[in-house]
């Protein structure tokens, strides 16, 4: 544990002063080392030796009663593994070069973990990226920082995870996860509920639109996930024109939303109507 943390810290500290070739080696090394923490290893058990002699038959019974799979575990949990990288985002002086290098390490780590691991832990990965990058006030204080973070997180989700690591079933699962955990929370209708930020909503809308385009159709699980998105929900463009689904009756527009959210919603509606024209007869 300490060795992994020390090695990762050295790689990240060397990003700022490294050239392109050295940077690639550092990114690859950090990703490989962190990925090795997810390999199951046997946990040594230090049991005190009993006094007296134990018969050979008793030894055989004790050995046979121990299940080897119960003594195997990963060095770090997925959250702890990703935390080894995200902890550097909260440091005082994190330049954009280091921020880009951290995202490259995330990409190398995800590729090293493989498709099966990413599909199994997709919810943890998305929640981590949104919480540590998008919801971090240090990364969204200025407009150029918000654009950089949105581009980096969007690139990780679309180019590295969506296109390279998700199977068709994984793409459907990803749409369900993004829709249920983020898009469904907008707007917050009940007291005490919190809706996602504009930046989170934009990243989720654009990624779901990309997944729909990648699928090329809209299977029943996806249609169930989208049943709430445009039914009775309108978004208002800054010009005052509401963006509505043409298949549902118009309702009073929601409060003003940023322009990028309207663009993301329009992209998603376009991909959805293209993938499922039977559900949108007025659009065909």
Protein backbone atom coordinates (compact mmCIF):
# COMPACT_ATOMS: atom_id res chain seq x y z
CA UNK A 1 0.00 0.00 0.00
CA UNK A 2 2.70 2.48 1.00
CA UNK A 3 4.87 1.48 -1.95
CA UNK A 4 2.02 2.01 -4.41
CA UNK A 5 1.20 5.43 -2.97
CA UNK A 6 4.85 6.51 -3.00
CA UNK A 7 5.39 5.34 -6.59
CA UNK A 8 2.22 7.07 -7.81
CA UNK A 9 3.18 10.32 -6.10
CA UNK A 10 6.59 10.26 -7.77
CA UNK A 11 5.05 9.75 -11.20
CA UNK A 12 2.60 12.61 -10.74
CA UNK A 13 5.22 14.98 -9.38
CA UNK A 14 7.37 14.31 -12.44
CA UNK A 15 4.61 15.20 -14.92
CA UNK A 16 5.11 18.96 -14.82
CA UNK A 17 8.79 18.87 -15.83
CA UNK A 18 8.71 15.93 -18.24
CA UNK A 19 8.76 15.90 -22.02
CA UNK A 20 6.28 13.98 -24.14
CA UNK A 21 8.15 10.66 -24.25
CA UNK A 22 8.86 10.66 -20.52
CA UNK A 23 5.27 11.63 -19.85
CA UNK A 24 3.98 8.60 -21.76
CA UNK A 25 6.20 6.25 -19.75
CA UNK A 26 5.12 7.82 -16.46
CA UNK A 27 1.45 7.53 -17.38
CA UNK A 28 1.85 3.90 -18.43
CA UNK A 29 3.81 2.98 -15.30
CA UNK A 30 1.34 4.61 -12.92
CA UNK A 31 -1.60 2.94 -14.66
CA UNK A 32 0.03 -0.50 -14.54
CA UNK A 33 0.99 -0.22 -10.88
CA UNK A 34 -2.47 0.93 -9.80
CA UNK A 35 -4.14 -1.77 -11.91
CA UNK A 36 -2.04 -4.42 -10.14
CA UNK A 37 -3.77 -3.51 -6.86
CA UNK A 38 -6.99 -5.07 -8.20
CA UNK A 39 -5.47 -8.53 -8.58
CA UNK A 40 -6.59 -10.93 -5.90
CA UNK A 41 -3.83 -12.14 -3.61
CA UNK A 42 -3.75 -14.53 -0.73
CA UNK A 43 -3.90 -12.89 2.67
CA UNK A 44 -1.37 -14.37 5.09
CA UNK A 45 -2.90 -15.56 8.33
CA UNK A 46 -0.82 -15.35 11.45
CA UNK A 47 -2.39 -17.82 13.84
CA UNK A 48 -0.72 -18.63 17.14
CA UNK A 49 0.70 -22.10 17.35
CA UNK A 50 -1.17 -24.39 19.73
CA UNK A 51 0.75 -26.11 22.44
CA UNK A 52 1.06 -29.83 22.27
CA UNK A 53 1.15 -32.18 19.37
CA UNK A 54 -1.61 -32.29 16.80
CA UNK A 55 -2.41 -35.58 15.18
CA UNK A 56 -1.91 -35.87 11.44
CA UNK A 57 -5.61 -36.62 10.93
CA UNK A 58 -6.57 -33.39 12.67
CA UNK A 59 -4.17 -31.47 10.45
CA UNK A 60 -5.75 -32.91 7.33
CA UNK A 61 -9.21 -31.98 8.56
CA UNK A 62 -8.18 -28.39 9.33
CA UNK A 63 -6.47 -28.00 5.95
CA UNK A 64 -9.43 -29.36 4.04
CA UNK A 65 -11.89 -27.10 5.91
CA UNK A 66 -10.11 -23.91 4.77
CA UNK A 67 -11.43 -22.45 1.51
CA UNK A 68 -8.55 -20.81 -0.46
CA UNK A 69 -10.93 -18.30 -2.07
CA UNK A 70 -11.85 -16.92 1.36
CA UNK A 71 -8.24 -15.87 1.95
CA UNK A 72 -7.87 -13.90 -1.28
CA UNK A 73 -8.48 -10.19 -1.57
CA UNK A 74 -7.42 -7.13 -3.56
CA UNK A 75 -4.87 -4.74 -2.14
CA UNK A 76 -7.18 -1.72 -2.64
CA UNK A 77 -10.87 -1.26 -3.24
CA UNK A 78 -11.85 0.50 -6.51
CA UNK A 79 -12.60 3.73 -4.62
CA UNK A 80 -9.26 3.62 -2.80
CA UNK A 81 -7.44 2.93 -6.05
CA UNK A 82 -8.96 5.94 -7.84
CA UNK A 83 -8.34 8.00 -4.72
CA UNK A 84 -4.59 7.57 -5.26
CA UNK A 85 -4.95 9.83 -8.33
CA UNK A 86 -7.75 12.17 -7.33
CA UNK A 87 -6.10 13.18 -4.06
CA UNK A 88 -3.70 15.33 -6.08
CA UNK A 89 -6.58 17.44 -7.43
CA UNK A 90 -7.03 19.05 -4.00
CA UNK A 91 -3.46 20.23 -3.69
CA UNK A 92 -2.68 23.92 -3.75
CA UNK A 93 -0.85 24.27 -7.06
CA UNK A 94 -2.15 21.90 -9.71
CA UNK A 95 -1.39 23.20 -13.19
CA UNK A 96 -3.32 22.30 -16.29
CA UNK A 97 -0.45 20.17 -17.52
CA UNK A 98 -0.66 18.03 -14.39
CA UNK A 99 -4.45 17.91 -14.69
CA UNK A 100 -4.19 16.59 -18.24
CA UNK A 101 -1.53 14.12 -17.11
CA UNK A 102 -3.85 12.83 -14.37
CA UNK A 103 -6.57 12.19 -16.93
CA UNK A 104 -4.06 10.32 -19.07
CA UNK A 105 -3.24 8.18 -16.05
CA UNK A 106 -6.94 7.47 -15.59
CA UNK A 107 -7.13 6.39 -19.23
CA UNK A 108 -4.07 4.14 -18.90
CA UNK A 109 -5.44 2.67 -15.68
CA UNK A 110 -8.84 1.88 -17.22
CA UNK A 111 -7.23 0.25 -20.24
CA UNK A 112 -5.05 -1.87 -17.96
CA UNK A 113 -8.08 -2.95 -15.91
CA UNK A 114 -9.93 -4.12 -19.00
CA UNK A 115 -13.47 -4.13 -20.32
CA UNK A 116 -14.96 -6.57 -17.83
CA UNK A 117 -13.73 -4.59 -14.84
CA UNK A 118 -14.93 -1.26 -16.25
CA UNK A 119 -18.42 -2.59 -17.00
CA UNK A 120 -18.68 -4.09 -13.53
CA UNK A 121 -17.61 -0.85 -11.80
CA UNK A 122 -19.02 1.70 -14.26
CA UNK A 123 -21.19 3.36 -11.59
CA UNK A 124 -18.19 3.80 -9.28
CA UNK A 125 -16.08 5.26 -12.10
CA UNK A 126 -18.70 7.79 -13.21
CA UNK A 127 -19.50 8.84 -9.65
CA UNK A 128 -15.80 9.29 -8.92
CA UNK A 129 -15.10 11.39 -12.02
CA UNK A 130 -18.07 13.68 -11.39
CA UNK A 131 -17.34 14.06 -7.67
CA UNK A 132 -13.59 14.64 -7.98
CA UNK A 133 -13.40 16.63 -11.24
CA UNK A 134 -16.70 18.33 -11.95
CA UNK A 135 -17.89 18.92 -8.39
CA UNK A 136 -14.48 20.13 -7.24
CA UNK A 137 -14.66 23.94 -6.79
CA UNK A 138 -10.94 24.28 -7.60
CA UNK A 139 -11.57 22.97 -11.12
CA UNK A 140 -14.65 25.08 -11.91
CA UNK A 141 -13.77 28.53 -10.61
CA UNK A 142 -13.02 30.06 -14.02
CA UNK A 143 -14.72 29.55 -17.37
CA UNK A 144 -11.63 28.08 -19.03
CA UNK A 145 -11.24 25.64 -16.14
CA UNK A 146 -14.84 24.49 -16.53
CA UNK A 147 -14.34 23.96 -20.25
CA UNK A 148 -11.13 22.00 -19.63
CA UNK A 149 -12.72 19.75 -17.01
CA UNK A 150 -15.78 19.13 -19.17
CA UNK A 151 -13.54 18.20 -22.10
CA UNK A 152 -11.32 15.90 -20.02
CA UNK A 153 -14.18 14.05 -18.33
CA UNK A 154 -16.10 13.85 -21.59
CA UNK A 155 -13.05 12.42 -23.36
CA UNK A 156 -12.58 9.77 -20.67
CA UNK A 157 -16.23 8.72 -20.81
CA UNK A 158 -16.62 8.82 -24.59
CA UNK A 159 -13.28 8.05 -26.24
CA UNK A 160 -11.71 5.74 -23.66
CA UNK A 161 -14.60 4.04 -21.87
CA UNK A 162 -17.55 4.24 -24.27
CA UNK A 163 -15.79 3.45 -27.55
CA UNK A 164 -13.04 1.11 -26.33
CA UNK A 165 -14.16 -0.68 -23.21
CA UNK A 166 -17.94 -1.12 -23.30
CA UNK A 167 -19.71 -3.96 -25.04
CA UNK A 168 -23.25 -3.55 -26.38
CA UNK A 169 -24.68 -4.74 -23.08
CA UNK A 170 -22.29 -2.43 -21.28
CA UNK A 171 -23.50 0.53 -23.33
CA UNK A 172 -27.10 -0.19 -22.34
CA UNK A 173 -26.03 -0.48 -18.70
CA UNK A 174 -24.15 2.83 -18.97
CA UNK A 175 -27.24 4.59 -20.34
CA UNK A 176 -29.32 3.22 -17.49
CA UNK A 177 -26.74 4.33 -14.93
CA UNK A 178 -26.37 7.88 -16.28
CA UNK A 179 -30.11 8.27 -16.70
CA UNK A 180 -31.04 6.93 -13.29
CA UNK A 181 -28.26 8.52 -11.23
CA UNK A 182 -27.97 11.95 -12.85
CA UNK A 183 -30.54 12.81 -15.51
CA UNK A 184 -33.47 11.55 -13.46
CA UNK A 185 -32.55 13.89 -10.62
CA UNK A 186 -33.39 16.93 -12.75
CA UNK A 187 -35.42 18.85 -11.80
CA UNK A 188 -35.57 18.52 -8.02
CA UNK A 189 -39.31 18.41 -7.35
CA UNK A 190 -39.42 17.44 -3.69
CA UNK A 191 -38.05 19.42 -0.74
CA UNK A 192 -34.64 18.22 0.31
CA UNK A 193 -33.74 16.88 -3.12
CA UNK A 194 -30.74 18.28 -4.97
CA UNK A 195 -30.49 18.41 -8.73
CA UNK A 196 -27.20 17.90 -10.59
CA UNK A 197 -25.14 20.92 -11.52
CA UNK A 198 -25.27 22.34 -15.03
CA UNK A 199 -21.81 20.94 -15.77
CA UNK A 200 -22.76 17.46 -14.55
CA UNK A 201 -25.99 17.56 -16.52
CA UNK A 202 -24.17 18.62 -19.68
CA UNK A 203 -21.57 15.84 -19.44
CA UNK A 204 -24.26 13.23 -18.77
CA UNK A 205 -26.49 14.41 -21.64
CA UNK A 206 -23.66 14.44 -24.17
CA UNK A 207 -22.39 11.02 -23.07
CA UNK A 208 -25.83 9.42 -23.26
CA UNK A 209 -26.26 10.93 -26.72
CA UNK A 210 -22.94 9.41 -27.76
CA UNK A 211 -23.91 6.00 -26.37
CA UNK A 212 -27.20 6.11 -28.28
CA UNK A 213 -25.38 6.95 -31.50
CA UNK A 214 -22.96 4.10 -30.80
CA UNK A 215 -25.79 1.63 -30.22
CA UNK A 216 -27.65 2.64 -33.37
CA UNK A 217 -31.00 1.60 -31.94
CA UNK A 218 -33.08 1.93 -28.80
CA UNK A 219 -33.71 -1.42 -27.07
CA UNK A 220 -36.56 -1.69 -24.51
CA UNK A 221 -34.32 -1.12 -21.42
CA UNK A 222 -33.14 2.16 -22.93
CA UNK A 223 -36.69 3.26 -23.73
CA UNK A 224 -37.69 2.58 -20.13
CA UNK A 225 -34.76 4.70 -18.94
CA UNK A 226 -35.84 7.56 -21.19
CA UNK A 227 -39.53 7.41 -20.33
CA UNK A 228 -39.13 10.25 -17.81
CA UNK A 229 -36.63 12.48 -19.56
CA UNK A 230 -38.90 14.42 -21.90
CA UNK A 231 -42.33 13.56 -20.59
CA UNK A 232 -43.60 16.66 -18.91
CA UNK A 233 -40.13 18.24 -18.84
CA UNK A 234 -39.18 21.23 -20.89
CA UNK A 235 -35.99 23.21 -21.12
CA UNK A 236 -35.90 26.86 -21.94
CA UNK A 237 -33.37 28.35 -24.30
CA UNK A 238 -31.83 31.65 -23.27
CA UNK A 239 -33.72 33.27 -26.11
CA UNK A 240 -36.94 32.28 -24.36
CA UNK A 241 -37.98 29.47 -26.73
CA UNK A 242 -38.71 26.24 -24.83
CA UNK A 243 -37.16 22.98 -26.03
CA UNK A 244 -39.89 20.35 -25.87
CA UNK A 245 -40.32 16.80 -26.95
CA UNK A 246 -42.73 16.86 -29.90
CA UNK A 247 -44.40 13.65 -28.67
CA UNK A 248 -45.69 15.01 -25.39
CA UNK A 249 -48.07 17.88 -24.70
CA UNK A 250 -46.37 21.18 -23.94
CA UNK A 251 -46.17 22.19 -20.31
CA UNK A 252 -44.93 25.40 -18.70
CA UNK A 253 -41.18 25.70 -19.30
CA UNK A 254 -38.72 25.04 -16.52
CA UNK A 255 -36.53 27.83 -15.17
CA UNK A 256 -33.67 29.13 -17.21
CA UNK A 257 -30.86 26.66 -17.89
CA UNK A 258 -27.37 27.33 -19.25
CA UNK A 259 -26.85 27.17 -22.96
CA UNK A 260 -24.68 24.05 -22.84
CA UNK A 261 -27.46 22.11 -21.11
CA UNK A 262 -29.87 23.03 -23.89
CA UNK A 263 -27.34 21.90 -26.50
CA UNK A 264 -26.82 18.61 -24.67
CA UNK A 265 -30.57 18.05 -24.40
CA UNK A 266 -31.00 18.79 -28.11
CA UNK A 267 -28.24 16.31 -28.98
CA UNK A 268 -29.84 13.64 -26.84
CA UNK A 269 -33.28 14.24 -28.33
CA UNK A 270 -31.80 14.05 -31.84
CA UNK A 271 -30.03 10.73 -31.12
CA UNK A 272 -33.09 9.31 -29.41
CA UNK A 273 -35.50 10.18 -32.20
CA UNK A 274 -33.04 8.74 -34.72
CA UNK A 275 -32.58 5.52 -32.73
CA UNK A 276 -36.28 5.05 -31.94
CA UNK A 277 -38.36 6.73 -34.68
CA UNK A 278 -41.38 4.56 -33.80
CA UNK A 279 -41.68 6.39 -30.50
CA UNK A 280 -41.57 9.80 -32.19
CA UNK A 281 -43.91 9.71 -35.17
CA UNK A 282 -44.01 13.49 -35.42
CA UNK A 283 -40.23 13.62 -35.89
CA UNK A 284 -40.02 11.24 -38.84
